[in-house]
C-alpha atoms as a PDB file:
ATOM      1  CA  MET A   1     100.195 107.959 104.928  1.00  0.00           C
ATOM      2  CA  ASN A   2      98.261 105.263 103.974  1.00  0.00           C
ATOM      3  CA  HIS A   3      99.693 101.414 105.225  1.00  0.00           C
ATOM      4  CA  LEU A   4      98.300  98.108 103.341  1.00  0.00           C
ATOM      5  CA  ILE A   5      98.553  94.480 104.032  1.00  0.00           C
ATOM      6  CA  GLU A   6      97.752  92.204 101.601  1.00  0.00           C
ATOM      7  CA  VAL A   7      97.596  88.816 101.373  1.00  0.00           C
ATOM      8  CA  ASN A   8      97.078  87.490  98.354  1.00  0.00           C
ATOM      9  CA  GLY A   9      96.509  84.002  96.474  1.00  0.00           C
ATOM     10  CA  ILE A  10      95.435  81.673  99.089  1.00  0.00           C
ATOM     11  CA  LYS A  11      94.695  78.767  97.185  1.00  0.00           C
ATOM     12  CA  LEU A  12      92.111  76.389  98.622  1.00  0.00           C
ATOM     13  CA  TYR A  13      90.070  73.005  97.947  1.00  0.00           C
ATOM     14  CA  ALA A  14      86.400  73.569  98.946  1.00  0.00           C
ATOM     15  CA  TYR A  15      83.176  72.449  98.472  1.00  0.00           C
ATOM     16  CA  HIS A  16      80.528  75.145  98.275  1.00  0.00           C
ATOM     17  CA  GLY A  17      77.801  76.028  95.805  1.00  0.00           C
ATOM     18  CA  CYS A  18      74.429  75.102  94.956  1.00  0.00           C
ATOM     19  CA  LEU A  19      74.875  72.082  93.295  1.00  0.00           C
ATOM     20  CA  GLU A  20      74.242  68.862  95.493  1.00  0.00           C
ATOM     21  CA  GLU A  21      78.023  67.908  92.968  1.00  0.00           C
ATOM     22  CA  GLU A  22      79.816  70.521  94.347  1.00  0.00           C
ATOM     23  CA  GLY A  23      79.305  69.215  97.693  1.00  0.00           C
ATOM     24  CA  LYS A  24      80.796  66.036  97.399  1.00  0.00           C
ATOM     25  CA  ILE A  25      83.095  67.355  94.379  1.00  0.00           C
ATOM     26  CA  GLY A  26      84.280  70.585  95.337  1.00  0.00           C
ATOM     27  CA  GLY A  27      86.460  72.662  93.354  1.00  0.00           C
ATOM     28  CA  ASN A  28      89.389  75.133  93.641  1.00  0.00           C
ATOM     29  CA  TYR A  29      89.203  78.465  95.407  1.00  0.00           C
ATOM     30  CA  VAL A  30      91.738  81.839  95.630  1.00  0.00           C
ATOM     31  CA  VAL A  31      91.121  84.005  98.603  1.00  0.00           C
ATOM     32  CA  ASP A  32      92.995  88.206  98.756  1.00  0.00           C
ATOM     33  CA  VAL A  33      92.755  89.922 101.582  1.00  0.00           C
ATOM     34  CA  CYS A  34      93.315  93.550 101.472  1.00  0.00           C
ATOM     35  CA  MET A  35      93.898  95.243 105.067  1.00  0.00           C
ATOM     36  CA  LYS A  36      94.024  99.232 105.462  1.00  0.00           C
ATOM     37  CA  THR A  37      95.631  99.715 108.737  1.00  0.00           C
ATOM     38  CA  ASP A  38      99.026 101.848 111.165  1.00  0.00           C
ATOM     39  CA  PHE A  39     101.756  99.704 111.009  1.00  0.00           C
ATOM     40  CA  SER A  40     103.864 102.407 111.797  1.00  0.00           C
ATOM     41  CA  GLN A  41     105.023 101.369 114.610  1.00  0.00           C
ATOM     42  CA  ALA A  42     105.924  97.667 113.328  1.00  0.00           C
ATOM     43  CA  ALA A  43     108.038  99.457 110.666  1.00  0.00           C
ATOM     44  CA  LEU A  44     110.004 101.154 113.186  1.00  0.00           C
ATOM     45  CA  ASN A  45     110.621  98.792 115.955  1.00  0.00           C
ATOM     46  CA  ASP A  46     110.521  95.428 114.103  1.00  0.00           C
ATOM     47  CA  GLU A  47     107.850  94.030 116.059  1.00  0.00           C
ATOM     48  CA  LEU A  48     105.233  91.193 114.959  1.00  0.00           C
ATOM     49  CA  SER A  49     103.023  92.436 117.681  1.00  0.00           C
ATOM     50  CA  GLN A  50     102.368  95.723 116.355  1.00  0.00           C
ATOM     51  CA  THR A  51     101.053  94.938 113.074  1.00  0.00           C
ATOM     52  CA  ILE A  52      98.652  92.152 111.624  1.00  0.00           C
ATOM     53  CA  ASP A  53     100.024  88.553 111.279  1.00  0.00           C
ATOM     54  CA  TYR A  54      99.584  87.254 108.004  1.00  0.00           C
ATOM     55  CA  VAL A  55      99.851  83.638 109.986  1.00  0.00           C
ATOM     56  CA  HIS A  56      96.358  84.578 111.766  1.00  0.00           C
ATOM     57  CA  ILE A  57      94.323  85.753 108.679  1.00  0.00           C
ATOM     58  CA  ASN A  58      95.766  82.723 106.584  1.00  0.00           C
ATOM     59  CA  ALA A  59      94.184  80.818 109.345  1.00  0.00           C
ATOM     60  CA  ILE A  60      91.037  82.900 109.468  1.00  0.00           C
ATOM     61  CA  VAL A  61      90.421  81.831 105.747  1.00  0.00           C
ATOM     62  CA  THR A  62      91.658  78.395 105.919  1.00  0.00           C
ATOM     63  CA  GLN A  63      89.144  77.727 108.987  1.00  0.00           C
ATOM     64  CA  GLU A  64      86.072  79.409 107.171  1.00  0.00           C
ATOM     65  CA  MET A  65      86.597  78.316 103.633  1.00  0.00           C
ATOM     66  CA  ALA A  66      86.200  74.505 105.266  1.00  0.00           C
ATOM     67  CA  ILE A  67      83.007  75.326 106.119  1.00  0.00           C
ATOM     68  CA  ARG A  68      80.508  74.462 103.566  1.00  0.00           C
ATOM     69  CA  SER A  69      78.199  77.246 101.739  1.00  0.00           C
ATOM     70  CA  LYS A  70      75.925  77.473  98.717  1.00  0.00           C
ATOM     71  CA  LEU A  71      77.063  81.110  98.145  1.00  0.00           C
ATOM     72  CA  ILE A  72      80.551  82.722  98.292  1.00  0.00           C
ATOM     73  CA  GLU A  73      78.918  85.853  99.268  1.00  0.00           C
ATOM     74  CA  HIS A  74      78.516  83.909 102.395  1.00  0.00           C
ATOM     75  CA  VAL A  75      81.580  82.405 103.005  1.00  0.00           C
ATOM     76  CA  GLY A  76      83.020  85.576 101.892  1.00  0.00           C
ATOM     77  CA  GLN A  77      81.250  87.405 104.681  1.00  0.00           C
ATOM     78  CA  ARG A  78      82.732  85.094 107.585  1.00  0.00           C
ATOM     79  CA  ILE A  79      85.749  86.091 106.714  1.00  0.00           C
ATOM     80  CA  VAL A  80      85.288  89.665 106.586  1.00  0.00           C
ATOM     81  CA  SER A  81      83.279  88.924 109.928  1.00  0.00           C
ATOM     82  CA  ARG A  82      85.922  87.146 111.825  1.00  0.00           C
ATOM     83  CA  ILE A  83      88.802  89.192 110.819  1.00  0.00           C
ATOM     84  CA  GLU A  84      86.723  92.183 111.768  1.00  0.00           C
ATOM     85  CA  GLN A  85      85.985  90.266 115.023  1.00  0.00           C
ATOM     86  CA  GLU A  86      89.894  89.054 115.833  1.00  0.00           C
ATOM     87  CA  ILE A  87      92.413  91.563 114.432  1.00  0.00           C
ATOM     88  CA  LYS A  88      93.074  94.817 116.226  1.00  0.00           C
ATOM     89  CA  GLY A  89      94.028  98.181 114.296  1.00  0.00           C
ATOM     90  CA  LEU A  90      92.117  97.770 110.761  1.00  0.00           C
ATOM     91  CA  ILE A  91      90.942 100.896 109.218  1.00  0.00           C
ATOM     92  CA  ALA A  92      89.429  99.083 106.392  1.00  0.00           C
ATOM     93  CA  LEU A  93      89.291  95.716 104.714  1.00  0.00           C
ATOM     94  CA  ARG A  94      88.727  94.081 101.367  1.00  0.00           C
ATOM     95  CA  VAL A  95      88.507  90.286 100.914  1.00  0.00           C
ATOM     96  CA  LYS A  96      88.061  88.687  97.371  1.00  0.00           C
ATOM     97  CA  VAL A  97      86.701  85.259  97.032  1.00  0.00           C
ATOM     98  CA  THR A  98      87.238  83.105  93.766  1.00  0.00           C
ATOM     99  CA  LYS A  99      85.655  80.360  92.557  1.00  0.00           C
ATOM    100  CA  ILE A 100      87.604  78.578  89.532  1.00  0.00           C
ATOM    101  CA  CYS A 101      86.184  76.885  86.971  1.00  0.00           C
ATOM    102  CA  PRO A 102      82.499  77.112  88.200  1.00  0.00           C
ATOM    103  CA  PRO A 103      80.208  74.682  86.676  1.00  0.00           C
ATOM    104  CA  ILE A 104      77.911  77.803  84.832  1.00  0.00           C
ATOM    105  CA  ASN A 105      76.930  75.959  81.498  1.00  0.00           C
ATOM    106  CA  GLY A 106      79.674  78.699  79.825  1.00  0.00           C
ATOM    107  CA  ASP A 107      83.606  79.127  79.232  1.00  0.00           C
ATOM    108  CA  VAL A 108      84.343  81.369  81.866  1.00  0.00           C
ATOM    109  CA  ASP A 109      87.651  80.939  83.619  1.00  0.00           C
ATOM    110  CA  ASN A 110      86.416  82.305  87.283  1.00  0.00           C
ATOM    111  CA  VAL A 111      83.692  84.309  89.770  1.00  0.00           C
ATOM    112  CA  ALA A 112      84.376  86.433  92.597  1.00  0.00           C
ATOM    113  CA  ILE A 113      83.004  88.418  94.860  1.00  0.00           C
ATOM    114  CA  ILE A 114      84.292  91.303  96.846  1.00  0.00           C
ATOM    115  CA  ILE A 115      83.289  92.437 100.255  1.00  0.00           C
ATOM    116  CA  GLU A 116      84.940  95.971 101.319  1.00  0.00           C
ATOM    117  CA  SER A 117      84.142  97.375 104.818  1.00  0.00           C
ATOM    118  CA  GLY A 118      85.720 100.500 106.450  1.00  0.00           C
ATOM    119  CA  THR A 119      87.017 103.329 104.502  1.00  0.00           C
ATOM    120  CA  TRP A 120      89.344 103.232 102.229  1.00  0.00           C
END
């Protein structure tokens, strides 16, 4: 049986980007986290300690997004590394960082990176 936990649509205002203005003005971002795990015991026992705490995931994302990076690839990797270090029972992890309305001289809604680790 596959068990997935998703924390989607974490909306943040952050200061990532290669342009100096992006570090001053900032922009809107959305982060999605998908985790493959085994929450069989939590499903049976109704115990938070036997699954992944969504509050912890949101805190990691919020803390890492608050640290300025030039590239969303870099902040995405920091999020992945922290989750892998701090969350037990992960089988696989997918993190998507989306930058809304990037300043790329075109009519583009967003750009995004996705990092996957583990066995899907």
